[in-house]
Amino acid sequence: MTKRAEILGEFTANAAGPVHGVSFDGRHVWAATGEAMRAFDPQTGKEVTSLGVPAHAGTAFDGTHLFQIADAIIQKVDPQTGTVVATIPAPGGGKDSGLAWADGSLWVGQYRDRQIVEIDPDTGAVRRVIQTNRFVTGVTWVEGELWHGYSADGDGGLARIDPANGNVLDTLDMPGMAVSGVEWDGGERLFCGGGNSGAVRIVRRG
C-alpha cells in the first residue's frame, strides 16, 4: 500500500549543512551533522548537547552506546562523554548510508547497492544481506518490522519491507523531501533526517 506520509512537525538540526543520519535514545533525537553528533529535544527542537565525533552517515543506539558511521568505519560512542570506545569496519567501505540497532545486530543501509546488511556489532562480520528495490538511506525496526528511508531526485519516503526477501509491503511517500535517516520513537512517530534541508521531520507511522 502506498500513501502520502503525514508530517507531524519538523525542527532544524543543522542550519549550516545537511543531516546525514538520525537516532533516538528514548529522550533525545540524535542527528549526524558531519563534524558532530548533536542531540535535540524532539518536543521543542532545542539542542541539548553536541559530541565532537565525525558523523558522516547513519546513527544508531543500543540502549547504552551510540553507533556512528564515519567514512569507512562504525564508531561505538559513549553518549555521556563523546569518547569513541571501539570501531569496526563498515560493510560498504565508505559507501554506507543508514544504521539501526536491533536484536543484537547492526543493520547498515547501502544506498547505491539497494541493500541492508546485518552485521556483528563487535567485529563487523556480515550476517545477512537483504536486497531492496530502492536506494536505501535510513534504516529502523518497528515492532519487528523493517523500515528503510529512500531518496532519489529530490523525492523520498519510507518503505516497510519483508526482511525475509526485501519485498515492499507499505510505502509512505514524501514528495519533494529528501530522507537521509529514519528512526522509530517507540510509539507512533518516525524521525526522518531531511538531507540538505538540515531538518529532522516527524512522521506518523503508517
N, C-alpha and C. Protein backbone atom coordinates (compact mmCIF):
# COMPACT_ATOMS: atom_id res chain seq x y z
N MET A 1 0.84 -1.18 0.00
CA MET A 1 0.00 0.00 0.00
C MET A 1 0.89 1.25 0.00
N THR A 2 0.58 2.17 -0.89
CA THR A 2 1.32 3.42 -0.97
C THR A 2 0.41 4.58 -0.58
N LYS A 3 0.89 5.44 0.30
CA LYS A 3 0.13 6.63 0.66
C LYS A 3 1.09 7.76 0.99
N ARG A 4 0.56 8.94 1.09
CA ARG A 4 1.36 10.11 1.42
C ARG A 4 1.67 10.12 2.91
N ALA A 5 2.92 10.38 3.24
CA ALA A 5 3.31 10.46 4.66
C ALA A 5 2.64 11.66 5.32
N GLU A 6 2.23 11.47 6.56
CA GLU A 6 1.68 12.57 7.36
C GLU A 6 2.80 13.19 8.20
N ILE A 7 3.17 14.41 7.87
CA ILE A 7 4.24 15.10 8.57
C ILE A 7 3.65 15.78 9.80
N LEU A 8 4.10 15.39 10.98
CA LEU A 8 3.57 15.93 12.22
C LEU A 8 4.31 17.19 12.67
N GLY A 9 5.52 17.36 12.18
CA GLY A 9 6.30 18.54 12.57
C GLY A 9 7.72 18.38 12.07
N GLU A 10 8.53 19.40 12.30
CA GLU A 10 9.94 19.33 11.96
C GLU A 10 10.70 20.36 12.79
N PHE A 11 12.00 20.16 12.89
CA PHE A 11 12.86 21.16 13.51
C PHE A 11 14.19 21.18 12.78
N THR A 12 14.88 22.29 12.89
CA THR A 12 16.17 22.45 12.24
C THR A 12 17.25 21.83 13.11
N ALA A 13 17.95 20.84 12.56
CA ALA A 13 19.02 20.19 13.29
C ALA A 13 20.39 20.68 12.86
N ASN A 14 20.49 21.25 11.66
CA ASN A 14 21.79 21.71 11.18
C ASN A 14 21.58 22.84 10.19
N ALA A 15 21.52 24.06 10.69
CA ALA A 15 21.29 25.21 9.82
C ALA A 15 22.44 25.45 8.85
N ALA A 16 23.62 24.90 9.17
CA ALA A 16 24.81 25.15 8.35
C ALA A 16 25.07 24.08 7.30
N GLY A 17 24.27 22.99 7.30
CA GLY A 17 24.55 21.92 6.36
C GLY A 17 23.60 20.77 6.53
N PRO A 18 23.88 19.63 5.86
CA PRO A 18 22.93 18.52 5.85
C PRO A 18 22.91 17.70 7.12
N VAL A 19 21.81 16.97 7.28
CA VAL A 19 21.68 15.93 8.28
C VAL A 19 21.96 14.60 7.58
N HIS A 20 22.91 13.82 8.12
CA HIS A 20 23.33 12.58 7.47
C HIS A 20 22.68 11.34 8.08
N GLY A 21 22.14 11.44 9.29
CA GLY A 21 21.55 10.29 9.94
C GLY A 21 20.86 10.73 11.22
N VAL A 22 19.96 9.87 11.72
CA VAL A 22 19.25 10.18 12.97
C VAL A 22 19.12 8.94 13.82
N SER A 23 19.01 9.15 15.13
CA SER A 23 18.69 8.09 16.07
C SER A 23 17.88 8.68 17.20
N PHE A 24 17.43 7.82 18.13
CA PHE A 24 16.61 8.25 19.26
C PHE A 24 17.00 7.40 20.45
N ASP A 25 17.31 8.07 21.58
CA ASP A 25 17.76 7.33 22.77
C ASP A 25 16.67 7.19 23.83
N GLY A 26 15.44 7.47 23.45
CA GLY A 26 14.33 7.42 24.39
C GLY A 26 13.95 8.79 24.93
N ARG A 27 14.89 9.74 24.85
CA ARG A 27 14.62 11.12 25.28
C ARG A 27 14.94 12.13 24.19
N HIS A 28 16.07 11.93 23.54
CA HIS A 28 16.57 12.91 22.58
C HIS A 28 16.76 12.31 21.19
N VAL A 29 16.53 13.13 20.19
CA VAL A 29 16.85 12.77 18.81
C VAL A 29 18.30 13.17 18.56
N TRP A 30 19.08 12.22 18.04
CA TRP A 30 20.47 12.49 17.67
C TRP A 30 20.55 12.67 16.16
N ALA A 31 21.28 13.69 15.74
CA ALA A 31 21.47 13.97 14.31
C ALA A 31 22.95 13.96 13.99
N ALA A 32 23.31 13.24 12.94
CA ALA A 32 24.69 13.24 12.44
C ALA A 32 24.85 14.44 11.50
N THR A 33 25.74 15.36 11.86
CA THR A 33 25.83 16.61 11.11
C THR A 33 27.23 16.85 10.55
N GLY A 34 27.95 15.78 10.25
CA GLY A 34 29.26 15.92 9.62
C GLY A 34 30.40 15.88 10.61
N GLU A 35 30.60 16.99 11.32
CA GLU A 35 31.70 17.08 12.28
C GLU A 35 31.25 16.82 13.70
N ALA A 36 29.96 16.58 13.90
CA ALA A 36 29.47 16.37 15.26
C ALA A 36 28.19 15.55 15.25
N MET A 37 27.93 14.89 16.40
CA MET A 37 26.64 14.28 16.69
C MET A 37 25.93 15.23 17.65
N ARG A 38 24.72 15.62 17.29
CA ARG A 38 24.02 16.63 18.08
C ARG A 38 22.68 16.08 18.54
N ALA A 39 22.34 16.32 19.81
CA ALA A 39 21.11 15.81 20.41
C ALA A 39 20.11 16.93 20.60
N PHE A 40 18.83 16.62 20.33
CA PHE A 40 17.75 17.60 20.37
C PHE A 40 16.57 17.07 21.17
N ASP A 41 15.87 17.99 21.82
CA ASP A 41 14.59 17.69 22.43
C ASP A 41 13.56 17.58 21.31
N PRO A 42 12.93 16.41 21.09
CA PRO A 42 12.01 16.28 19.96
C PRO A 42 10.73 17.10 20.10
N GLN A 43 10.42 17.55 21.32
CA GLN A 43 9.20 18.34 21.51
C GLN A 43 9.42 19.80 21.12
N THR A 44 10.60 20.32 21.44
CA THR A 44 10.87 21.74 21.21
C THR A 44 11.85 22.00 20.07
N GLY A 45 12.63 20.97 19.68
CA GLY A 45 13.67 21.16 18.68
C GLY A 45 14.91 21.82 19.23
N LYS A 46 14.99 22.04 20.54
CA LYS A 46 16.14 22.70 21.15
C LYS A 46 17.31 21.73 21.27
N GLU A 47 18.50 22.21 20.86
CA GLU A 47 19.70 21.39 21.00
C GLU A 47 20.08 21.30 22.48
N VAL A 48 20.38 20.06 22.94
CA VAL A 48 20.70 19.86 24.35
C VAL A 48 22.17 19.48 24.57
N THR A 49 22.81 18.90 23.57
CA THR A 49 24.23 18.58 23.69
C THR A 49 24.80 18.30 22.32
N SER A 50 26.13 18.33 22.23
CA SER A 50 26.83 18.05 20.99
C SER A 50 28.11 17.29 21.31
N LEU A 51 28.40 16.26 20.51
CA LEU A 51 29.61 15.47 20.68
C LEU A 51 30.49 15.67 19.45
N GLY A 52 31.75 15.98 19.67
CA GLY A 52 32.66 16.23 18.56
C GLY A 52 33.18 14.95 17.94
N VAL A 53 32.27 14.18 17.36
CA VAL A 53 32.58 12.89 16.76
C VAL A 53 32.25 12.97 15.27
N PRO A 54 33.14 12.56 14.37
CA PRO A 54 32.82 12.57 12.95
C PRO A 54 31.54 11.78 12.67
N ALA A 55 30.64 12.37 11.90
CA ALA A 55 29.29 11.80 11.74
C ALA A 55 28.84 12.00 10.30
N HIS A 56 29.20 11.03 9.44
CA HIS A 56 29.03 11.21 8.00
C HIS A 56 27.86 10.44 7.42
N ALA A 57 27.23 9.56 8.19
CA ALA A 57 26.09 8.79 7.67
C ALA A 57 25.25 8.35 8.87
N GLY A 58 24.76 7.11 8.86
CA GLY A 58 23.77 6.67 9.81
C GLY A 58 24.22 6.63 11.26
N THR A 59 23.22 6.69 12.15
CA THR A 59 23.41 6.72 13.60
C THR A 59 22.47 5.71 14.23
N ALA A 60 22.90 5.04 15.31
CA ALA A 60 22.05 4.07 16.00
C ALA A 60 22.33 4.13 17.49
N PHE A 61 21.42 3.52 18.27
CA PHE A 61 21.55 3.49 19.74
C PHE A 61 21.13 2.11 20.22
N ASP A 62 21.97 1.48 21.06
CA ASP A 62 21.68 0.12 21.52
C ASP A 62 21.12 0.06 22.94
N GLY A 63 20.81 1.22 23.50
CA GLY A 63 20.34 1.29 24.87
C GLY A 63 21.41 1.80 25.82
N THR A 64 22.67 1.72 25.40
CA THR A 64 23.79 2.21 26.20
C THR A 64 24.72 3.11 25.38
N HIS A 65 25.10 2.65 24.22
CA HIS A 65 26.04 3.37 23.37
C HIS A 65 25.39 3.82 22.07
N LEU A 66 25.93 4.89 21.51
CA LEU A 66 25.59 5.31 20.16
C LEU A 66 26.56 4.66 19.19
N PHE A 67 26.08 4.38 18.00
CA PHE A 67 26.93 3.92 16.91
C PHE A 67 26.83 4.93 15.78
N GLN A 68 27.97 5.29 15.21
CA GLN A 68 28.00 6.36 14.22
C GLN A 68 28.95 6.00 13.07
N ILE A 69 28.39 6.06 11.84
CA ILE A 69 29.23 5.83 10.67
C ILE A 69 30.06 7.07 10.40
N ALA A 70 31.37 6.86 10.18
CA ALA A 70 32.29 7.92 9.77
C ALA A 70 33.18 7.34 8.68
N ASP A 71 32.95 7.78 7.46
CA ASP A 71 33.69 7.24 6.31
C ASP A 71 33.56 5.72 6.29
N ALA A 72 34.67 4.99 6.41
CA ALA A 72 34.64 3.54 6.22
C ALA A 72 34.57 2.77 7.54
N ILE A 73 34.30 3.45 8.65
CA ILE A 73 34.21 2.76 9.94
C ILE A 73 32.89 3.09 10.64
N ILE A 74 32.55 2.23 11.60
CA ILE A 74 31.43 2.49 12.50
C ILE A 74 32.03 2.66 13.90
N GLN A 75 31.76 3.81 14.50
CA GLN A 75 32.28 4.13 15.83
C GLN A 75 31.25 3.79 16.89
N LYS A 76 31.71 3.22 17.99
CA LYS A 76 30.87 2.99 19.17
C LYS A 76 31.19 4.09 20.16
N VAL A 77 30.18 4.90 20.53
CA VAL A 77 30.41 6.16 21.22
C VAL A 77 29.70 6.18 22.58
N ASP A 78 30.41 6.62 23.60
CA ASP A 78 29.80 6.87 24.90
C ASP A 78 29.02 8.18 24.81
N PRO A 79 27.68 8.15 24.94
CA PRO A 79 26.89 9.37 24.74
C PRO A 79 27.09 10.41 25.84
N GLN A 80 27.65 10.02 26.97
CA GLN A 80 27.88 10.97 28.06
C GLN A 80 29.14 11.80 27.84
N THR A 81 30.17 11.19 27.26
CA THR A 81 31.46 11.85 27.13
C THR A 81 31.88 12.12 25.69
N GLY A 82 31.27 11.41 24.74
CA GLY A 82 31.70 11.52 23.36
C GLY A 82 32.92 10.68 23.03
N THR A 83 33.37 9.86 23.98
CA THR A 83 34.53 9.00 23.75
C THR A 83 34.18 7.86 22.80
N VAL A 84 35.03 7.65 21.80
CA VAL A 84 34.88 6.51 20.91
C VAL A 84 35.54 5.31 21.58
N VAL A 85 34.73 4.33 22.01
CA VAL A 85 35.25 3.22 22.80
C VAL A 85 35.64 2.03 21.94
N ALA A 86 35.18 2.00 20.69
CA ALA A 86 35.55 0.90 19.78
C ALA A 86 35.19 1.32 18.36
N THR A 87 35.81 0.67 17.38
CA THR A 87 35.45 0.86 15.98
C THR A 87 35.43 -0.49 15.28
N ILE A 88 34.58 -0.60 14.26
CA ILE A 88 34.56 -1.77 13.39
C ILE A 88 34.47 -1.27 11.94
N PRO A 89 34.87 -2.09 10.97
CA PRO A 89 34.74 -1.67 9.57
C PRO A 89 33.28 -1.62 9.15
N ALA A 90 32.94 -0.62 8.37
CA ALA A 90 31.59 -0.56 7.79
C ALA A 90 31.56 -1.45 6.55
N PRO A 91 30.47 -2.18 6.33
CA PRO A 91 30.46 -3.16 5.24
C PRO A 91 30.60 -2.56 3.85
N GLY A 92 30.19 -1.31 3.69
CA GLY A 92 30.28 -0.67 2.38
C GLY A 92 31.59 0.03 2.12
N GLY A 93 32.49 0.01 3.11
CA GLY A 93 33.79 0.62 2.93
C GLY A 93 33.76 2.10 2.63
N GLY A 94 32.79 2.81 3.22
CA GLY A 94 32.68 4.24 3.00
C GLY A 94 31.51 4.63 2.11
N LYS A 95 30.77 3.65 1.61
CA LYS A 95 29.59 3.92 0.78
C LYS A 95 28.31 3.59 1.52
N ASP A 96 28.38 3.57 2.85
CA ASP A 96 27.25 3.19 3.68
C ASP A 96 26.33 4.38 3.92
N SER A 97 25.07 4.09 4.26
CA SER A 97 24.08 5.16 4.48
C SER A 97 23.47 5.01 5.86
N GLY A 98 22.35 4.32 5.99
CA GLY A 98 21.62 4.25 7.25
C GLY A 98 22.21 3.25 8.22
N LEU A 99 21.75 3.35 9.47
CA LEU A 99 22.24 2.47 10.54
C LEU A 99 21.14 2.29 11.57
N ALA A 100 20.96 1.04 12.02
CA ALA A 100 19.98 0.74 13.07
C ALA A 100 20.54 -0.36 13.96
N TRP A 101 20.02 -0.41 15.19
CA TRP A 101 20.34 -1.49 16.13
C TRP A 101 19.07 -2.27 16.38
N ALA A 102 19.14 -3.60 16.33
CA ALA A 102 18.01 -4.44 16.69
C ALA A 102 18.48 -5.87 16.90
N ASP A 103 17.97 -6.50 17.94
CA ASP A 103 18.18 -7.93 18.18
C ASP A 103 19.66 -8.32 18.17
N GLY A 104 20.51 -7.47 18.76
CA GLY A 104 21.91 -7.81 18.88
C GLY A 104 22.73 -7.62 17.62
N SER A 105 22.17 -6.96 16.62
CA SER A 105 22.88 -6.71 15.36
C SER A 105 22.79 -5.25 14.99
N LEU A 106 23.74 -4.81 14.19
CA LEU A 106 23.63 -3.54 13.48
C LEU A 106 23.16 -3.82 12.07
N TRP A 107 22.31 -2.94 11.58
CA TRP A 107 21.73 -3.06 10.24
C TRP A 107 22.15 -1.82 9.46
N VAL A 108 22.88 -2.03 8.37
CA VAL A 108 23.55 -0.93 7.68
C VAL A 108 22.98 -0.78 6.27
N GLY A 109 22.45 0.41 5.97
CA GLY A 109 21.95 0.69 4.63
C GLY A 109 23.09 0.87 3.64
N GLN A 110 22.88 0.36 2.43
CA GLN A 110 23.82 0.53 1.32
C GLN A 110 23.06 1.24 0.20
N TYR A 111 23.31 2.54 0.04
CA TYR A 111 22.48 3.38 -0.82
C TYR A 111 22.45 2.88 -2.26
N ARG A 112 23.57 2.90 -2.93
CA ARG A 112 23.60 2.55 -4.35
C ARG A 112 23.32 1.08 -4.61
N ASP A 113 23.74 0.22 -3.69
CA ASP A 113 23.52 -1.22 -3.87
C ASP A 113 22.11 -1.65 -3.53
N ARG A 114 21.32 -0.73 -2.97
CA ARG A 114 19.93 -1.03 -2.60
C ARG A 114 19.86 -2.25 -1.68
N GLN A 115 20.66 -2.20 -0.64
CA GLN A 115 20.75 -3.31 0.29
C GLN A 115 20.71 -2.83 1.73
N ILE A 116 20.34 -3.76 2.62
CA ILE A 116 20.50 -3.59 4.06
C ILE A 116 21.31 -4.78 4.54
N VAL A 117 22.43 -4.50 5.20
CA VAL A 117 23.37 -5.54 5.62
C VAL A 117 23.32 -5.68 7.13
N GLU A 118 23.05 -6.87 7.61
CA GLU A 118 23.10 -7.17 9.04
C GLU A 118 24.54 -7.56 9.41
N ILE A 119 25.11 -6.89 10.43
CA ILE A 119 26.49 -7.19 10.82
C ILE A 119 26.59 -7.40 12.32
N ASP A 120 27.68 -8.08 12.72
CA ASP A 120 28.03 -8.26 14.13
C ASP A 120 28.54 -6.92 14.67
N PRO A 121 27.95 -6.40 15.75
CA PRO A 121 28.36 -5.08 16.24
C PRO A 121 29.74 -5.05 16.88
N ASP A 122 30.30 -6.21 17.19
CA ASP A 122 31.63 -6.28 17.81
C ASP A 122 32.75 -6.44 16.79
N THR A 123 32.45 -7.12 15.68
CA THR A 123 33.51 -7.43 14.71
C THR A 123 33.27 -6.83 13.33
N GLY A 124 32.02 -6.50 13.01
CA GLY A 124 31.68 -6.04 11.67
C GLY A 124 31.42 -7.16 10.69
N ALA A 125 31.50 -8.42 11.15
CA ALA A 125 31.26 -9.56 10.26
C ALA A 125 29.83 -9.53 9.72
N VAL A 126 29.68 -9.81 8.44
CA VAL A 126 28.36 -9.78 7.80
C VAL A 126 27.59 -11.04 8.16
N ARG A 127 26.35 -10.83 8.62
CA ARG A 127 25.48 -11.95 8.98
C ARG A 127 24.43 -12.23 7.92
N ARG A 128 23.98 -11.18 7.24
CA ARG A 128 22.91 -11.35 6.24
C ARG A 128 22.84 -10.12 5.36
N VAL A 129 22.38 -10.29 4.14
CA VAL A 129 22.17 -9.18 3.22
C VAL A 129 20.73 -9.24 2.70
N ILE A 130 20.02 -8.11 2.82
CA ILE A 130 18.64 -8.01 2.32
C ILE A 130 18.66 -7.08 1.11
N GLN A 131 18.19 -7.56 -0.03
CA GLN A 131 18.15 -6.76 -1.25
C GLN A 131 16.81 -6.04 -1.33
N THR A 132 16.83 -4.75 -1.68
CA THR A 132 15.61 -3.97 -1.83
C THR A 132 15.51 -3.45 -3.26
N ASN A 133 14.43 -2.72 -3.55
CA ASN A 133 14.25 -2.20 -4.91
C ASN A 133 14.39 -0.68 -4.99
N ARG A 134 14.86 -0.05 -3.88
CA ARG A 134 15.05 1.39 -3.88
C ARG A 134 16.42 1.73 -3.29
N PHE A 135 16.87 2.96 -3.56
CA PHE A 135 18.07 3.46 -2.90
C PHE A 135 17.81 3.56 -1.40
N VAL A 136 18.63 2.93 -0.59
CA VAL A 136 18.41 2.87 0.86
C VAL A 136 19.15 4.00 1.56
N THR A 137 18.42 4.76 2.35
CA THR A 137 19.06 5.78 3.20
C THR A 137 18.98 5.28 4.64
N GLY A 138 18.05 5.76 5.44
CA GLY A 138 17.94 5.32 6.83
C GLY A 138 17.35 3.93 6.97
N VAL A 139 17.59 3.34 8.14
CA VAL A 139 17.07 2.00 8.46
C VAL A 139 16.55 2.03 9.90
N THR A 140 15.40 1.39 10.15
CA THR A 140 14.91 1.23 11.52
C THR A 140 14.01 0.00 11.60
N TRP A 141 13.91 -0.55 12.80
CA TRP A 141 12.98 -1.64 13.08
C TRP A 141 11.84 -1.09 13.93
N VAL A 142 10.62 -1.49 13.60
CA VAL A 142 9.42 -1.04 14.30
C VAL A 142 8.61 -2.27 14.70
N GLU A 143 8.73 -2.65 15.97
CA GLU A 143 7.99 -3.80 16.49
C GLU A 143 8.15 -5.02 15.60
N GLY A 144 9.40 -5.33 15.28
CA GLY A 144 9.70 -6.49 14.46
C GLY A 144 9.55 -6.30 12.97
N GLU A 145 9.18 -5.09 12.55
CA GLU A 145 9.03 -4.79 11.12
C GLU A 145 10.17 -3.89 10.67
N LEU A 146 10.71 -4.18 9.48
CA LEU A 146 11.87 -3.45 8.97
C LEU A 146 11.41 -2.35 8.02
N TRP A 147 11.81 -1.12 8.34
CA TRP A 147 11.54 0.05 7.51
C TRP A 147 12.86 0.65 7.03
N HIS A 148 12.83 1.24 5.86
CA HIS A 148 14.00 1.99 5.42
C HIS A 148 13.57 3.27 4.72
N GLY A 149 14.43 4.28 4.82
CA GLY A 149 14.22 5.50 4.07
C GLY A 149 14.71 5.32 2.64
N TYR A 150 14.13 6.07 1.73
CA TYR A 150 14.62 6.08 0.35
C TYR A 150 14.60 7.51 -0.15
N SER A 151 15.44 7.77 -1.11
CA SER A 151 15.55 9.13 -1.63
C SER A 151 16.22 9.09 -2.99
N ALA A 152 15.63 9.79 -3.95
CA ALA A 152 16.20 9.88 -5.29
C ALA A 152 15.58 11.06 -6.01
N ASP A 153 16.44 11.87 -6.63
CA ASP A 153 16.00 13.01 -7.45
C ASP A 153 15.09 13.97 -6.67
N GLY A 154 15.41 14.16 -5.39
CA GLY A 154 14.67 15.13 -4.59
C GLY A 154 13.39 14.62 -3.96
N ASP A 155 12.98 13.40 -4.29
CA ASP A 155 11.79 12.81 -3.69
C ASP A 155 12.20 11.65 -2.78
N GLY A 156 11.56 11.56 -1.63
CA GLY A 156 11.90 10.50 -0.71
C GLY A 156 10.68 9.87 -0.09
N GLY A 157 10.93 9.06 0.93
CA GLY A 157 9.85 8.42 1.63
C GLY A 157 10.36 7.28 2.49
N LEU A 158 9.42 6.48 2.97
CA LEU A 158 9.70 5.36 3.86
C LEU A 158 9.04 4.12 3.30
N ALA A 159 9.75 3.00 3.37
CA ALA A 159 9.21 1.73 2.89
C ALA A 159 9.30 0.69 3.99
N ARG A 160 8.21 -0.03 4.20
CA ARG A 160 8.24 -1.20 5.09
C ARG A 160 8.43 -2.42 4.21
N ILE A 161 9.46 -3.20 4.52
CA ILE A 161 9.78 -4.33 3.66
C ILE A 161 9.77 -5.63 4.45
N ASP A 162 9.61 -6.73 3.73
CA ASP A 162 9.69 -8.06 4.31
C ASP A 162 11.17 -8.39 4.50
N PRO A 163 11.65 -8.56 5.75
CA PRO A 163 13.07 -8.81 5.94
C PRO A 163 13.54 -10.15 5.38
N ALA A 164 12.60 -11.04 5.06
CA ALA A 164 12.99 -12.33 4.52
C ALA A 164 13.39 -12.24 3.05
N ASN A 165 12.76 -11.31 2.32
CA ASN A 165 13.03 -11.27 0.87
C ASN A 165 13.15 -9.86 0.29
N GLY A 166 12.96 -8.83 1.12
CA GLY A 166 13.09 -7.46 0.64
C GLY A 166 11.88 -6.92 -0.07
N ASN A 167 10.81 -7.70 -0.18
CA ASN A 167 9.60 -7.23 -0.87
C ASN A 167 8.98 -6.07 -0.11
N VAL A 168 8.49 -5.07 -0.87
CA VAL A 168 7.87 -3.89 -0.27
C VAL A 168 6.46 -4.22 0.17
N LEU A 169 6.13 -3.88 1.43
CA LEU A 169 4.81 -4.14 1.99
C LEU A 169 3.98 -2.86 2.07
N ASP A 170 4.60 -1.75 2.42
CA ASP A 170 3.93 -0.45 2.51
C ASP A 170 4.93 0.64 2.18
N THR A 171 4.44 1.77 1.69
CA THR A 171 5.31 2.93 1.50
C THR A 171 4.58 4.19 1.95
N LEU A 172 5.37 5.11 2.50
CA LEU A 172 4.89 6.44 2.87
C LEU A 172 5.70 7.42 2.04
N ASP A 173 5.12 7.96 0.98
CA ASP A 173 5.84 8.85 0.08
C ASP A 173 5.96 10.25 0.68
N MET A 174 7.11 10.89 0.42
CA MET A 174 7.37 12.26 0.86
C MET A 174 7.88 13.06 -0.33
N PRO A 175 7.00 13.42 -1.27
CA PRO A 175 7.42 14.13 -2.49
C PRO A 175 8.12 15.44 -2.17
N GLY A 176 9.21 15.67 -2.87
CA GLY A 176 9.95 16.91 -2.68
C GLY A 176 10.79 16.97 -1.43
N MET A 177 10.87 15.87 -0.69
CA MET A 177 11.63 15.84 0.56
C MET A 177 12.64 14.70 0.51
N ALA A 178 13.91 15.03 0.69
CA ALA A 178 14.92 14.00 0.83
C ALA A 178 14.78 13.33 2.19
N VAL A 179 15.14 12.06 2.26
CA VAL A 179 15.18 11.33 3.53
C VAL A 179 16.60 10.79 3.70
N SER A 180 17.26 11.20 4.77
CA SER A 180 18.66 10.83 4.97
C SER A 180 18.88 10.02 6.25
N GLY A 181 17.82 9.53 6.82
CA GLY A 181 17.92 8.72 8.03
C GLY A 181 16.53 8.54 8.59
N VAL A 182 16.32 7.44 9.31
CA VAL A 182 15.00 7.22 9.91
C VAL A 182 15.17 6.44 11.21
N GLU A 183 14.37 6.80 12.21
CA GLU A 183 14.39 6.11 13.50
C GLU A 183 13.00 6.12 14.11
N TRP A 184 12.59 5.00 14.65
CA TRP A 184 11.31 4.86 15.35
C TRP A 184 11.45 5.40 16.77
N ASP A 185 10.40 6.04 17.27
CA ASP A 185 10.45 6.61 18.62
C ASP A 185 9.89 5.67 19.68
N GLY A 186 9.49 4.46 19.29
CA GLY A 186 8.90 3.52 20.23
C GLY A 186 7.40 3.62 20.33
N GLY A 187 6.81 4.59 19.60
CA GLY A 187 5.36 4.78 19.60
C GLY A 187 4.83 4.91 18.20
N GLU A 188 4.24 6.05 17.91
CA GLU A 188 3.58 6.25 16.61
C GLU A 188 4.33 7.22 15.71
N ARG A 189 5.57 7.56 16.07
CA ARG A 189 6.31 8.53 15.27
C ARG A 189 7.60 7.93 14.72
N LEU A 190 7.98 8.44 13.56
CA LEU A 190 9.28 8.15 12.96
C LEU A 190 10.00 9.48 12.76
N PHE A 191 11.27 9.53 13.14
CA PHE A 191 12.09 10.71 12.90
C PHE A 191 12.89 10.51 11.62
N CYS A 192 12.82 11.49 10.73
CA CYS A 192 13.46 11.36 9.41
C CYS A 192 14.44 12.50 9.18
N GLY A 193 15.69 12.18 8.91
CA GLY A 193 16.64 13.19 8.51
C GLY A 193 16.24 13.79 7.17
N GLY A 194 16.42 15.09 7.04
CA GLY A 194 15.97 15.80 5.84
C GLY A 194 17.08 16.15 4.87
N GLY A 195 18.22 15.47 4.93
CA GLY A 195 19.29 15.70 3.97
C GLY A 195 19.78 17.13 3.98
N ASN A 196 19.92 17.70 2.78
CA ASN A 196 20.49 19.04 2.65
C ASN A 196 19.62 20.14 3.26
N SER A 197 18.36 19.85 3.56
CA SER A 197 17.50 20.84 4.20
C SER A 197 17.96 21.17 5.62
N GLY A 198 18.74 20.28 6.22
CA GLY A 198 19.17 20.47 7.60
C GLY A 198 18.11 20.19 8.63
N ALA A 199 16.96 19.67 8.20
CA ALA A 199 15.83 19.45 9.10
C ALA A 199 15.73 18.00 9.55
N VAL A 200 15.05 17.80 10.66
CA VAL A 200 14.55 16.49 11.06
C VAL A 200 13.03 16.58 11.04
N ARG A 201 12.40 15.70 10.28
CA ARG A 201 10.94 15.69 10.17
C ARG A 201 10.35 14.56 11.00
N ILE A 202 9.19 14.82 11.58
CA ILE A 202 8.50 13.86 12.41
C ILE A 202 7.29 13.35 11.62
N VAL A 203 7.26 12.04 11.38
CA VAL A 203 6.26 11.43 10.50
C VAL A 203 5.43 10.45 11.31
N ARG A 204 4.12 10.45 11.07
CA ARG A 204 3.27 9.46 11.72
C ARG A 204 3.52 8.09 11.09
N ARG A 205 3.70 7.11 11.93
CA ARG A 205 3.90 5.75 11.43
C ARG A 205 2.65 5.28 10.69
N GLY A 206 2.84 4.75 9.52
CA GLY A 206 1.70 4.32 8.71
C GLY A 206 1.08 3.02 9.20
